[in-house]
Amino acid sequence: MFFQNLASPDSSLARVNLLQERLNRLINDKQETNSTEFPPVNIWASEKNIVITAEVPGIDPADIDLQICNQVLTLKTKRLANEQIDDHAVLRRERGHGEFARSIELPYAVDSENVGASVSKGMLTVELSRAAVDLPKKITVQAS
């Protein structure tokens, strides 16, 4: 009787397999959601500078809002859904539209007066300099 229960579709093993499949689906869905954050960014940091690039294709640079507060860079933008072809129904719409925002935690305090931002070929580049008060300072030890 014990072995019959293991072989039946309602067995504990079958339920564990079903649970595993559902967990895998949940994890995969979560990974896909995280990978579609907009705009996608790359971040580089050295001891004195941070460079952030973000893909912003089809977005007017005037529609990009950058703000720095408490070691967080916030990027807000919008992309309009103004594409329409007369007498045609939409079969697929994969390109996102609407308002988007990303908050990026910076590894150190930056000089908010010394920030450069530019857009070229759909790529936003933000260059930030480390704040002077946050730079490591060498202390000379005197012999007595």
N, C-alpha and C. Protein backbone atom coordinates (compact mmCIF):
# COMPACT_ATOMS: atom_id res chain seq x y z
N MET A 1 0.82 -1.18 0.00
CA MET A 1 0.00 0.00 0.00
C MET A 1 0.87 1.26 0.00
N PHE A 2 1.97 1.26 0.72
CA PHE A 2 2.87 2.41 0.76
C PHE A 2 3.43 2.70 -0.63
N PHE A 3 3.84 1.65 -1.35
CA PHE A 3 4.41 1.85 -2.68
C PHE A 3 3.34 2.26 -3.68
N GLN A 4 2.11 1.85 -3.49
CA GLN A 4 1.03 2.28 -4.39
C GLN A 4 0.82 3.79 -4.27
N ASN A 5 0.88 4.32 -3.05
CA ASN A 5 0.69 5.76 -2.87
C ASN A 5 1.81 6.56 -3.55
N LEU A 6 3.03 6.04 -3.52
CA LEU A 6 4.13 6.74 -4.18
C LEU A 6 3.94 6.78 -5.68
N ALA A 7 3.37 5.74 -6.24
CA ALA A 7 3.21 5.67 -7.68
C ALA A 7 1.98 6.42 -8.18
N SER A 8 1.06 6.74 -7.30
CA SER A 8 -0.17 7.41 -7.74
C SER A 8 0.10 8.87 -8.07
N PRO A 9 -0.72 9.46 -8.94
CA PRO A 9 -0.53 10.87 -9.31
C PRO A 9 -0.66 11.82 -8.13
N ASP A 10 -1.35 11.41 -7.08
CA ASP A 10 -1.54 12.27 -5.92
C ASP A 10 -0.48 12.02 -4.85
N SER A 11 0.58 11.31 -5.20
CA SER A 11 1.60 10.98 -4.21
C SER A 11 2.36 12.23 -3.78
N SER A 12 3.05 12.09 -2.68
CA SER A 12 3.86 13.20 -2.17
C SER A 12 4.93 13.61 -3.17
N LEU A 13 5.53 12.64 -3.83
CA LEU A 13 6.57 12.95 -4.81
C LEU A 13 6.00 13.77 -5.97
N ALA A 14 4.83 13.43 -6.43
CA ALA A 14 4.20 14.19 -7.51
C ALA A 14 3.90 15.61 -7.05
N ARG A 15 3.45 15.74 -5.80
CA ARG A 15 3.17 17.09 -5.28
C ARG A 15 4.45 17.90 -5.13
N VAL A 16 5.54 17.26 -4.72
CA VAL A 16 6.82 17.96 -4.62
C VAL A 16 7.28 18.41 -6.01
N ASN A 17 7.13 17.54 -7.01
CA ASN A 17 7.51 17.92 -8.38
C ASN A 17 6.67 19.09 -8.88
N LEU A 18 5.38 19.07 -8.60
CA LEU A 18 4.50 20.17 -9.00
C LEU A 18 4.92 21.46 -8.30
N LEU A 19 5.22 21.37 -7.02
CA LEU A 19 5.67 22.54 -6.27
C LEU A 19 6.98 23.07 -6.86
N GLN A 20 7.90 22.17 -7.19
CA GLN A 20 9.18 22.58 -7.80
C GLN A 20 8.95 23.30 -9.12
N GLU A 21 8.05 22.77 -9.96
CA GLU A 21 7.75 23.42 -11.24
C GLU A 21 7.18 24.81 -11.02
N ARG A 22 6.29 24.95 -10.06
CA ARG A 22 5.68 26.26 -9.79
C ARG A 22 6.72 27.25 -9.25
N LEU A 23 7.61 26.79 -8.37
CA LEU A 23 8.67 27.65 -7.85
C LEU A 23 9.62 28.09 -8.97
N ASN A 24 9.97 27.16 -9.85
CA ASN A 24 10.84 27.51 -10.98
C ASN A 24 10.18 28.56 -11.86
N ARG A 25 8.90 28.40 -12.13
CA ARG A 25 8.17 29.37 -12.94
C ARG A 25 8.14 30.73 -12.26
N LEU A 26 7.92 30.74 -10.95
CA LEU A 26 7.89 31.99 -10.19
C LEU A 26 9.25 32.69 -10.23
N ILE A 27 10.32 31.94 -10.04
CA ILE A 27 11.67 32.52 -10.08
C ILE A 27 11.99 33.03 -11.48
N ASN A 28 11.67 32.26 -12.51
CA ASN A 28 11.94 32.70 -13.88
C ASN A 28 11.16 33.96 -14.22
N ASP A 29 9.90 34.04 -13.81
CA ASP A 29 9.10 35.24 -14.06
C ASP A 29 9.71 36.43 -13.36
N LYS A 30 10.20 36.26 -12.13
CA LYS A 30 10.81 37.35 -11.38
C LYS A 30 12.09 37.82 -12.07
N GLN A 31 12.91 36.89 -12.56
CA GLN A 31 14.14 37.26 -13.25
C GLN A 31 13.84 38.03 -14.52
N GLU A 32 12.81 37.63 -15.26
CA GLU A 32 12.44 38.36 -16.47
C GLU A 32 11.97 39.76 -16.13
N THR A 33 11.22 39.92 -15.05
CA THR A 33 10.75 41.24 -14.64
C THR A 33 11.93 42.13 -14.30
N ASN A 34 12.90 41.63 -13.57
CA ASN A 34 14.06 42.44 -13.19
C ASN A 34 14.90 42.83 -14.39
N SER A 35 14.96 41.97 -15.39
CA SER A 35 15.82 42.26 -16.53
C SER A 35 15.19 43.27 -17.48
N THR A 36 13.94 43.63 -17.28
CA THR A 36 13.29 44.56 -18.18
C THR A 36 13.12 45.94 -17.56
N GLU A 37 13.89 46.27 -16.52
CA GLU A 37 13.82 47.61 -15.96
C GLU A 37 14.25 48.61 -17.02
N PHE A 38 13.57 49.74 -17.05
CA PHE A 38 13.88 50.75 -18.05
C PHE A 38 14.21 52.06 -17.38
N PRO A 39 15.18 52.75 -17.83
CA PRO A 39 16.13 52.31 -18.85
C PRO A 39 17.21 51.41 -18.26
N PRO A 40 17.70 50.44 -19.05
CA PRO A 40 18.79 49.60 -18.56
C PRO A 40 20.05 50.43 -18.41
N VAL A 41 20.83 50.15 -17.38
CA VAL A 41 22.03 50.95 -17.10
C VAL A 41 23.26 50.06 -16.91
N ASN A 42 24.42 50.65 -17.16
CA ASN A 42 25.72 50.09 -16.78
C ASN A 42 26.39 51.14 -15.91
N ILE A 43 27.13 50.69 -14.90
CA ILE A 43 27.76 51.61 -13.96
C ILE A 43 29.22 51.20 -13.75
N TRP A 44 30.12 52.19 -13.86
CA TRP A 44 31.53 51.98 -13.59
C TRP A 44 31.96 52.95 -12.50
N ALA A 45 32.87 52.54 -11.65
CA ALA A 45 33.35 53.44 -10.59
C ALA A 45 34.85 53.25 -10.40
N SER A 46 35.53 54.37 -10.18
CA SER A 46 36.94 54.36 -9.79
C SER A 46 37.01 55.08 -8.45
N GLU A 47 38.21 55.32 -7.98
CA GLU A 47 38.35 56.00 -6.69
C GLU A 47 37.83 57.43 -6.75
N LYS A 48 37.87 58.05 -7.95
CA LYS A 48 37.50 59.47 -8.06
C LYS A 48 36.28 59.76 -8.93
N ASN A 49 35.84 58.81 -9.75
CA ASN A 49 34.75 59.09 -10.69
C ASN A 49 33.78 57.92 -10.82
N ILE A 50 32.56 58.26 -11.22
CA ILE A 50 31.54 57.27 -11.55
C ILE A 50 31.03 57.61 -12.94
N VAL A 51 30.88 56.59 -13.78
CA VAL A 51 30.30 56.78 -15.11
C VAL A 51 29.10 55.84 -15.20
N ILE A 52 27.97 56.41 -15.59
CA ILE A 52 26.73 55.64 -15.75
C ILE A 52 26.25 55.82 -17.18
N THR A 53 25.94 54.72 -17.84
CA THR A 53 25.33 54.80 -19.16
C THR A 53 23.95 54.17 -19.09
N ALA A 54 23.03 54.75 -19.83
CA ALA A 54 21.65 54.25 -19.86
C ALA A 54 21.13 54.30 -21.29
N GLU A 55 20.45 53.25 -21.70
CA GLU A 55 19.85 53.22 -23.03
C GLU A 55 18.56 54.04 -23.01
N VAL A 56 18.52 55.07 -23.86
CA VAL A 56 17.33 55.93 -23.93
C VAL A 56 16.93 56.17 -25.39
N PRO A 57 16.76 55.11 -26.19
CA PRO A 57 16.44 55.30 -27.60
C PRO A 57 15.08 55.95 -27.79
N GLY A 58 15.03 56.89 -28.72
CA GLY A 58 13.76 57.53 -29.04
C GLY A 58 13.28 58.53 -28.02
N ILE A 59 14.12 58.88 -27.05
CA ILE A 59 13.72 59.83 -26.00
C ILE A 59 14.43 61.15 -26.23
N ASP A 60 13.66 62.22 -26.23
CA ASP A 60 14.21 63.56 -26.38
C ASP A 60 15.03 63.90 -25.14
N PRO A 61 16.27 64.36 -25.30
CA PRO A 61 17.08 64.73 -24.13
C PRO A 61 16.38 65.73 -23.21
N ALA A 62 15.51 66.57 -23.75
CA ALA A 62 14.77 67.53 -22.92
C ALA A 62 13.79 66.83 -21.99
N ASP A 63 13.45 65.57 -22.29
CA ASP A 63 12.51 64.81 -21.45
C ASP A 63 13.22 63.97 -20.39
N ILE A 64 14.53 64.13 -20.24
CA ILE A 64 15.29 63.38 -19.24
C ILE A 64 15.54 64.28 -18.04
N ASP A 65 15.13 63.80 -16.87
CA ASP A 65 15.30 64.54 -15.62
C ASP A 65 16.26 63.76 -14.73
N LEU A 66 17.40 64.38 -14.39
CA LEU A 66 18.39 63.77 -13.50
C LEU A 66 18.46 64.57 -12.22
N GLN A 67 18.47 63.87 -11.08
CA GLN A 67 18.59 64.53 -9.78
C GLN A 67 19.50 63.69 -8.88
N ILE A 68 20.28 64.39 -8.04
CA ILE A 68 21.14 63.72 -7.06
C ILE A 68 20.72 64.17 -5.68
N CYS A 69 20.51 63.21 -4.79
CA CYS A 69 20.18 63.52 -3.40
C CYS A 69 20.66 62.35 -2.53
N ASN A 70 21.50 62.66 -1.53
CA ASN A 70 21.95 61.64 -0.57
C ASN A 70 22.53 60.39 -1.23
N GLN A 71 23.48 60.56 -2.11
CA GLN A 71 24.15 59.46 -2.78
C GLN A 71 23.23 58.60 -3.63
N VAL A 72 22.13 59.18 -4.11
CA VAL A 72 21.23 58.48 -5.01
C VAL A 72 21.00 59.35 -6.24
N LEU A 73 21.27 58.77 -7.41
CA LEU A 73 20.97 59.45 -8.68
C LEU A 73 19.62 58.93 -9.15
N THR A 74 18.70 59.85 -9.40
CA THR A 74 17.38 59.48 -9.90
C THR A 74 17.26 59.94 -11.34
N LEU A 75 16.88 59.02 -12.20
CA LEU A 75 16.71 59.29 -13.62
C LEU A 75 15.23 59.10 -13.93
N LYS A 76 14.58 60.15 -14.39
CA LYS A 76 13.17 60.07 -14.77
C LYS A 76 13.06 60.47 -16.23
N THR A 77 12.21 59.80 -16.95
CA THR A 77 11.99 60.14 -18.35
C THR A 77 10.64 59.62 -18.80
N LYS A 78 10.28 59.94 -20.01
CA LYS A 78 9.03 59.45 -20.57
C LYS A 78 9.21 59.19 -22.05
N ARG A 79 8.47 58.21 -22.52
CA ARG A 79 8.46 57.90 -23.94
C ARG A 79 7.00 57.85 -24.36
N LEU A 80 6.67 58.65 -25.36
CA LEU A 80 5.29 58.73 -25.82
C LEU A 80 4.98 57.59 -26.78
N ALA A 81 3.74 57.15 -26.74
CA ALA A 81 3.27 56.11 -27.66
C ALA A 81 2.51 56.80 -28.79
N ASN A 82 3.23 57.54 -29.62
CA ASN A 82 2.56 58.31 -30.65
C ASN A 82 2.58 57.64 -32.01
N GLU A 83 3.03 56.42 -32.06
CA GLU A 83 3.03 55.70 -33.33
C GLU A 83 1.64 55.17 -33.62
N GLN A 84 1.13 55.53 -34.74
CA GLN A 84 -0.17 55.00 -35.16
C GLN A 84 -0.17 54.98 -36.68
N ILE A 85 -0.56 53.89 -37.25
CA ILE A 85 -0.68 53.78 -38.70
C ILE A 85 -2.16 53.69 -39.01
N ASP A 86 -2.65 54.64 -39.79
CA ASP A 86 -4.07 54.69 -40.13
C ASP A 86 -4.52 53.39 -40.78
N ASP A 87 -5.72 52.99 -40.45
CA ASP A 87 -6.36 51.80 -41.02
C ASP A 87 -5.62 50.51 -40.71
N HIS A 88 -4.82 50.49 -39.64
CA HIS A 88 -4.11 49.28 -39.25
C HIS A 88 -4.37 48.99 -37.77
N ALA A 89 -4.53 47.72 -37.46
CA ALA A 89 -4.67 47.31 -36.06
C ALA A 89 -3.29 46.90 -35.53
N VAL A 90 -3.05 47.15 -34.28
CA VAL A 90 -1.79 46.76 -33.66
C VAL A 90 -1.81 45.25 -33.43
N LEU A 91 -0.82 44.55 -33.96
CA LEU A 91 -0.70 43.11 -33.74
C LEU A 91 0.25 42.81 -32.59
N ARG A 92 1.26 43.65 -32.43
CA ARG A 92 2.22 43.45 -31.35
C ARG A 92 2.78 44.81 -30.96
N ARG A 93 2.88 45.05 -29.66
CA ARG A 93 3.48 46.28 -29.15
C ARG A 93 4.43 45.88 -28.04
N GLU A 94 5.71 45.81 -28.35
CA GLU A 94 6.73 45.38 -27.39
C GLU A 94 7.48 46.55 -26.79
N ARG A 95 7.55 47.66 -27.50
CA ARG A 95 8.30 48.81 -27.00
C ARG A 95 7.47 49.54 -25.96
N GLY A 96 8.05 49.69 -24.78
CA GLY A 96 7.33 50.33 -23.68
C GLY A 96 7.14 51.82 -23.91
N HIS A 97 6.12 52.36 -23.28
CA HIS A 97 5.88 53.80 -23.33
C HIS A 97 5.31 54.24 -21.99
N GLY A 98 5.38 55.52 -21.74
CA GLY A 98 4.89 56.06 -20.48
C GLY A 98 6.03 56.72 -19.73
N GLU A 99 5.83 56.92 -18.43
CA GLU A 99 6.86 57.54 -17.60
C GLU A 99 7.66 56.45 -16.89
N PHE A 100 8.97 56.65 -16.82
CA PHE A 100 9.87 55.68 -16.23
C PHE A 100 10.78 56.38 -15.23
N ALA A 101 11.22 55.66 -14.22
CA ALA A 101 12.15 56.22 -13.24
C ALA A 101 13.07 55.12 -12.72
N ARG A 102 14.34 55.47 -12.52
CA ARG A 102 15.32 54.58 -11.91
C ARG A 102 16.04 55.35 -10.84
N SER A 103 16.23 54.76 -9.69
CA SER A 103 17.04 55.33 -8.62
C SER A 103 18.27 54.45 -8.47
N ILE A 104 19.43 55.08 -8.57
CA ILE A 104 20.69 54.35 -8.55
C ILE A 104 21.49 54.79 -7.34
N GLU A 105 21.76 53.86 -6.44
CA GLU A 105 22.56 54.18 -5.26
C GLU A 105 24.02 54.29 -5.67
N LEU A 106 24.64 55.41 -5.33
CA LEU A 106 26.03 55.66 -5.68
C LEU A 106 26.95 55.14 -4.58
N PRO A 107 28.15 54.67 -4.93
CA PRO A 107 29.05 54.08 -3.92
C PRO A 107 29.67 55.10 -2.97
N TYR A 108 29.60 56.38 -3.31
CA TYR A 108 30.15 57.42 -2.44
C TYR A 108 29.51 58.76 -2.79
N ALA A 109 29.73 59.76 -1.93
CA ALA A 109 29.18 61.10 -2.16
C ALA A 109 29.84 61.71 -3.39
N VAL A 110 29.04 62.43 -4.18
CA VAL A 110 29.56 63.07 -5.39
C VAL A 110 29.39 64.58 -5.30
N ASP A 111 30.17 65.27 -6.11
CA ASP A 111 30.09 66.73 -6.21
C ASP A 111 28.94 67.05 -7.16
N SER A 112 27.80 67.44 -6.63
CA SER A 112 26.62 67.67 -7.46
C SER A 112 26.77 68.87 -8.38
N GLU A 113 27.79 69.71 -8.14
CA GLU A 113 28.05 70.86 -9.01
C GLU A 113 28.97 70.48 -10.17
N ASN A 114 29.49 69.27 -10.15
CA ASN A 114 30.44 68.84 -11.17
C ASN A 114 29.95 67.53 -11.80
N VAL A 115 28.80 67.61 -12.48
CA VAL A 115 28.19 66.44 -13.11
C VAL A 115 28.04 66.74 -14.60
N GLY A 116 28.41 65.79 -15.43
CA GLY A 116 28.23 65.94 -16.87
C GLY A 116 27.24 64.90 -17.37
N ALA A 117 26.35 65.31 -18.27
CA ALA A 117 25.38 64.37 -18.85
C ALA A 117 25.20 64.72 -20.32
N SER A 118 25.22 63.68 -21.16
CA SER A 118 25.02 63.90 -22.59
C SER A 118 24.34 62.68 -23.19
N VAL A 119 23.69 62.90 -24.34
CA VAL A 119 23.03 61.81 -25.07
C VAL A 119 23.62 61.76 -26.47
N SER A 120 24.00 60.55 -26.90
CA SER A 120 24.50 60.34 -28.24
C SER A 120 24.01 58.99 -28.74
N LYS A 121 23.35 58.99 -29.88
CA LYS A 121 22.86 57.77 -30.51
C LYS A 121 22.04 56.91 -29.55
N GLY A 122 21.16 57.55 -28.79
CA GLY A 122 20.28 56.82 -27.89
C GLY A 122 20.91 56.34 -26.60
N MET A 123 22.13 56.81 -26.30
CA MET A 123 22.83 56.40 -25.08
C MET A 123 23.09 57.62 -24.21
N LEU A 124 22.55 57.61 -23.00
CA LEU A 124 22.80 58.66 -22.02
C LEU A 124 24.06 58.30 -21.25
N THR A 125 24.98 59.26 -21.13
CA THR A 125 26.19 59.07 -20.33
C THR A 125 26.21 60.13 -19.25
N VAL A 126 26.33 59.69 -18.00
CA VAL A 126 26.40 60.60 -16.86
C VAL A 126 27.75 60.38 -16.19
N GLU A 127 28.50 61.47 -16.02
CA GLU A 127 29.82 61.41 -15.38
C GLU A 127 29.77 62.21 -14.09
N LEU A 128 30.13 61.55 -12.99
CA LEU A 128 30.08 62.18 -11.67
C LEU A 128 31.45 62.12 -11.02
N SER A 129 31.83 63.20 -10.36
CA SER A 129 33.11 63.25 -9.64
C SER A 129 32.86 63.07 -8.15
N ARG A 130 33.75 62.36 -7.53
CA ARG A 130 33.65 62.14 -6.08
C ARG A 130 33.81 63.48 -5.36
N ALA A 131 33.01 63.69 -4.34
CA ALA A 131 33.09 64.92 -3.54
C ALA A 131 34.44 64.98 -2.84
N ALA A 132 35.04 66.16 -2.81
CA ALA A 132 36.36 66.34 -2.19
C ALA A 132 36.34 65.93 -0.72
N VAL A 133 35.24 66.21 -0.03
CA VAL A 133 35.16 65.86 1.40
C VAL A 133 35.11 64.35 1.61
N ASP A 134 34.79 63.60 0.55
CA ASP A 134 34.68 62.15 0.66
C ASP A 134 35.94 61.43 0.19
N LEU A 135 36.88 62.17 -0.40
CA LEU A 135 38.13 61.54 -0.86
C LEU A 135 38.99 61.13 0.32
N PRO A 136 39.66 59.99 0.23
CA PRO A 136 40.57 59.59 1.30
C PRO A 136 41.70 60.62 1.43
N LYS A 137 42.09 60.92 2.63
CA LYS A 137 43.16 61.88 2.88
C LYS A 137 44.32 61.17 3.58
N LYS A 138 45.51 61.45 3.09
CA LYS A 138 46.72 60.87 3.68
C LYS A 138 47.10 61.68 4.91
N ILE A 139 47.37 61.00 5.97
CA ILE A 139 47.79 61.65 7.21
C ILE A 139 49.25 61.29 7.46
N THR A 140 50.06 62.33 7.59
CA THR A 140 51.48 62.12 7.84
C THR A 140 51.70 61.96 9.34
N VAL A 141 52.42 60.93 9.68
CA VAL A 141 52.72 60.66 11.09
C VAL A 141 54.08 61.28 11.41
N GLN A 142 54.12 62.12 12.42
CA GLN A 142 55.35 62.81 12.84
C GLN A 142 56.08 61.98 13.91
N ALA A 143 57.38 62.00 13.82
CA ALA A 143 58.18 61.35 14.86
C ALA A 143 58.34 62.33 16.02
N SER A 144 58.28 61.85 17.24
CA SER A 144 58.42 62.76 18.39
C SER A 144 59.71 62.56 19.12
